[in-house]
Amino acid sequence: MERMLGMCGLNCLECDAYQATKANDDVLRDQVAKKWREEYQVPGMTAADIHCNSCLSPTGPWIAHCLECEVRLCGLQKAVDHCGVCQEYADCRTIQSFLEMAPAARTNLEEARGG
């Protein structure tokens, strides 16, 4: 399976926002915004917010949360491709806390680490 890991280990290629951006699909953007408003309790999210080239894209666009995401900011500061290659991965409370909510991201990072 082809993967493009974000800093946290989520596979961008499977992300609805990434797919909508790459396809320039406004119908999918609207569907994603509606889904995320409900799932993540983001009442003001609209289709206009659904533009993302991955959190690792140097120029964006990014989902607004990427600009404040602790995981992303830390990884960029440490200049790693993703958290799985960070020397502090196993002891990092920030990524480990996130991975409790996102088991697929944990699996991706563990596979990338060779585990």
Protein backbone atom coordinates (compact mmCIF):
# COMPACT_ATOMS: atom_id res chain seq x y z
CA MET A 1 0.00 0.00 0.00
CA GLU A 2 1.31 3.42 -0.92
CA ARG A 3 1.82 5.82 1.99
CA MET A 4 2.69 9.43 2.53
CA LEU A 5 3.06 9.92 6.26
CA GLY A 6 2.32 13.17 7.97
CA MET A 7 4.45 14.09 10.96
CA CYS A 8 2.09 12.22 13.30
CA GLY A 9 1.96 9.06 11.20
CA LEU A 10 -1.41 9.56 9.57
CA ASN A 11 -1.37 8.52 5.92
CA CYS A 12 -2.13 11.68 3.95
CA LEU A 13 -3.12 9.61 0.91
CA GLU A 14 -6.07 8.25 2.92
CA CYS A 15 -7.11 11.65 4.28
CA ASP A 16 -10.37 13.04 2.92
CA ALA A 17 -9.07 16.62 2.99
CA TYR A 18 -5.94 15.69 1.07
CA GLN A 19 -7.98 13.74 -1.48
CA ALA A 20 -10.44 16.62 -1.94
CA THR A 21 -7.55 19.05 -2.42
CA LYS A 22 -5.75 16.88 -4.96
CA ALA A 23 -8.97 16.25 -6.90
CA ASN A 24 -10.09 19.89 -6.51
CA ASP A 25 -13.47 18.40 -5.53
CA ASP A 26 -15.81 20.92 -3.90
CA VAL A 27 -18.50 18.30 -3.26
CA LEU A 28 -16.02 16.18 -1.29
CA ARG A 29 -14.78 19.30 0.54
CA ASP A 30 -18.34 20.00 1.64
CA GLN A 31 -18.81 16.39 2.80
CA VAL A 32 -15.53 16.45 4.73
CA ALA A 33 -16.39 19.75 6.41
CA LYS A 34 -19.77 18.39 7.51
CA LYS A 35 -18.22 15.15 8.81
CA TRP A 36 -15.44 16.97 10.69
CA ARG A 37 -17.86 19.54 12.17
CA GLU A 38 -19.62 16.62 13.82
CA GLU A 39 -16.67 14.34 14.62
CA TYR A 40 -14.30 16.99 15.92
CA GLN A 41 -16.83 19.55 17.17
CA VAL A 42 -15.63 22.32 14.86
CA PRO A 43 -18.89 24.22 14.33
CA GLY A 44 -17.54 26.85 11.92
CA MET A 45 -15.75 24.49 9.52
CA THR A 46 -16.83 24.88 5.91
CA ALA A 47 -15.77 23.49 2.55
CA ALA A 48 -13.52 26.54 2.19
CA ASP A 49 -11.44 25.19 5.10
CA ILE A 50 -10.77 21.88 3.38
CA HIS A 51 -7.54 22.50 1.52
CA CYS A 52 -4.44 20.50 2.44
CA ASN A 53 -1.30 19.35 0.64
CA SER A 54 -0.10 17.54 3.81
CA CYS A 55 1.35 19.02 6.94
CA LEU A 56 4.82 18.41 5.51
CA SER A 57 4.26 20.50 2.41
CA PRO A 58 6.62 23.48 2.65
CA THR A 59 4.11 25.89 1.14
CA GLY A 60 0.69 24.53 2.03
CA PRO A 61 -2.15 24.86 1.86
CA TRP A 62 -2.76 23.19 5.19
CA ILE A 63 -5.78 22.54 7.34
CA ALA A 64 -5.80 25.39 9.87
CA HIS A 65 -4.94 23.07 12.78
CA CYS A 66 -1.58 22.26 11.16
CA LEU A 67 -0.36 25.76 11.93
CA GLU A 68 -0.71 25.10 15.67
CA CYS A 69 -0.26 21.31 15.83
CA GLU A 70 2.30 20.50 18.54
CA VAL A 71 3.34 17.28 16.83
CA ARG A 72 3.99 18.99 13.50
CA LEU A 73 5.77 21.98 15.02
CA CYS A 74 8.04 19.77 17.13
CA GLY A 75 8.94 17.56 14.17
CA LEU A 76 9.69 20.53 11.96
CA GLN A 77 11.89 22.01 14.68
CA LYS A 78 13.78 18.71 14.96
CA ALA A 79 13.94 18.40 11.15
CA VAL A 80 12.58 14.83 11.05
CA ASP A 81 10.47 13.35 8.26
CA HIS A 82 7.93 12.07 10.79
CA CYS A 83 7.80 11.20 14.47
CA GLY A 84 8.72 7.57 13.83
CA VAL A 85 12.29 8.56 13.04
CA CYS A 86 12.68 10.88 16.03
CA GLN A 87 15.09 9.67 18.72
CA GLU A 88 12.60 10.73 21.40
CA TYR A 89 9.64 8.87 19.86
CA ALA A 90 9.15 6.25 22.57
CA ASP A 91 9.32 8.77 25.43
CA CYS A 92 7.46 11.66 23.80
CA ARG A 93 4.22 12.37 25.64
CA THR A 94 2.91 14.55 22.81
CA ILE A 95 3.01 11.90 20.09
CA GLN A 96 2.13 9.04 22.43
CA SER A 97 -0.98 10.92 23.60
CA PHE A 98 -2.02 11.52 20.00
CA LEU A 99 -1.42 7.89 19.07
CA GLU A 100 -3.83 6.74 21.77
CA MET A 101 -6.55 8.43 19.70
CA ALA A 102 -5.16 7.34 16.32
CA PRO A 103 -4.11 3.68 16.33
CA ALA A 104 -3.65 3.63 12.54
CA ALA A 105 -1.03 6.38 12.89
CA ARG A 106 0.78 4.30 15.53
CA THR A 107 0.81 1.31 13.18
CA ASN A 108 2.20 3.47 10.36
CA LEU A 109 4.96 4.92 12.55
CA GLU A 110 5.90 1.52 13.98
CA GLU A 111 6.13 0.08 10.46
CA ALA A 112 8.24 3.04 9.36
CA ARG A 113 10.54 2.38 12.33
CA GLY A 114 10.93 -1.19 11.15
CA GLY A 115 8.93 -2.62 14.05
